């Protein structure tokens, strides 16, 4: 039993050739569907898209707060000189 794929990665078609002497307990369509499902790239859904946006906003706020705390003495000095 051999597995052959053809086409681009996005539209790949999988076919399975069974030798005539080798009998399979599986239907040919089931084997082809199995081969096609093995080729699909599936990424895990860890968070919803809305939560993903909120997490990026939270990361940006944390970064902004860190920068503000880091440069606070320099900003304070600029404010004193301005007055």
Protein backbone atom coordinates (compact mmCIF):
# COMPACT_ATOMS: atom_id res chain seq x y z
CA UNK A 1 0.00 0.00 0.00
CA UNK A 2 1.49 3.36 -1.04
CA UNK A 3 0.29 6.92 -0.54
CA UNK A 4 0.63 9.42 -3.38
CA UNK A 5 -0.02 13.15 -3.19
CA UNK A 6 -0.36 15.59 -6.05
CA UNK A 7 -0.99 19.30 -6.39
CA UNK A 8 0.00 22.25 -4.24
CA UNK A 9 0.13 22.00 -0.46
CA UNK A 10 -3.15 23.92 -0.17
CA UNK A 11 -5.08 21.76 -2.64
CA UNK A 12 -3.25 18.47 -2.36
CA UNK A 13 -5.08 15.35 -3.42
CA UNK A 14 -4.08 12.13 -1.81
CA UNK A 15 -4.53 8.77 -3.44
CA UNK A 16 -3.70 5.37 -2.12
CA UNK A 17 -2.72 2.53 -4.42
CA UNK A 18 -3.48 -0.94 -3.17
CA UNK A 19 -1.82 -3.89 -4.89
CA UNK A 20 -4.34 -6.33 -6.31
CA UNK A 21 -2.95 -9.18 -4.21
CA UNK A 22 -3.27 -7.22 -0.95
CA UNK A 23 -6.80 -7.06 0.42
CA UNK A 24 -7.80 -4.28 2.75
CA UNK A 25 -10.58 -4.24 5.28
CA UNK A 26 -10.96 -0.49 4.64
CA UNK A 27 -12.92 1.12 1.82
CA UNK A 28 -10.86 3.01 -0.77
CA UNK A 29 -12.86 6.20 -0.08
CA UNK A 30 -12.19 5.90 3.65
CA UNK A 31 -8.46 5.48 3.04
CA UNK A 32 -8.42 8.52 0.74
CA UNK A 33 -10.33 10.62 3.28
CA UNK A 34 -7.91 9.52 6.00
CA UNK A 35 -4.91 10.45 3.84
CA UNK A 36 -6.41 13.88 3.06
CA UNK A 37 -7.08 14.56 6.74
CA UNK A 38 -3.49 13.65 7.60
CA UNK A 39 -2.25 16.39 5.24
CA UNK A 40 -4.34 19.20 6.70
CA UNK A 41 -2.55 21.78 8.83
CA UNK A 42 -4.63 22.39 11.94
CA UNK A 43 -3.54 24.96 14.48
CA UNK A 44 -4.88 24.70 18.01
CA UNK A 45 -7.42 27.28 19.13
CA UNK A 46 -5.95 28.27 22.47
CA UNK A 47 -7.83 31.54 22.82
CA UNK A 48 -10.65 33.25 20.98
CA UNK A 49 -9.76 36.05 18.53
CA UNK A 50 -11.30 38.65 20.86
CA UNK A 51 -9.20 37.43 23.81
CA UNK A 52 -6.13 37.46 21.54
CA UNK A 53 -6.67 41.18 20.85
CA UNK A 54 -7.17 41.89 24.56
CA UNK A 55 -3.99 40.03 25.44
CA UNK A 56 -2.01 42.10 22.90
CA UNK A 57 -3.51 45.30 24.35
CA UNK A 58 -2.57 44.16 27.85
CA UNK A 59 0.97 43.39 26.69
CA UNK A 60 1.19 46.86 25.12
CA UNK A 61 -0.02 48.53 28.32
CA UNK A 62 2.50 46.59 30.40
CA UNK A 63 5.27 47.61 27.99
CA UNK A 64 4.15 51.24 28.10
CA UNK A 65 4.06 51.19 31.91
CA UNK A 66 7.53 49.68 32.00
CA UNK A 67 8.90 52.34 29.68
CA UNK A 68 7.23 55.08 31.71
CA UNK A 69 8.71 53.78 34.96
CA UNK A 70 12.12 53.36 33.35
CA UNK A 71 12.28 56.91 31.97
CA UNK A 72 10.38 58.63 34.81
CA UNK A 73 13.46 60.33 36.33
CA UNK A 74 14.45 61.71 32.93
CA UNK A 75 10.90 62.94 32.25
CA UNK A 76 10.73 64.53 35.70
CA UNK A 77 13.98 66.37 35.02
CA UNK A 78 12.58 67.69 31.72
CA UNK A 79 9.47 68.95 33.52
CA UNK A 80 11.56 70.77 36.14
CA UNK A 81 13.68 72.44 33.46
CA UNK A 82 10.57 73.51 31.54
CA UNK A 83 9.18 75.44 34.52
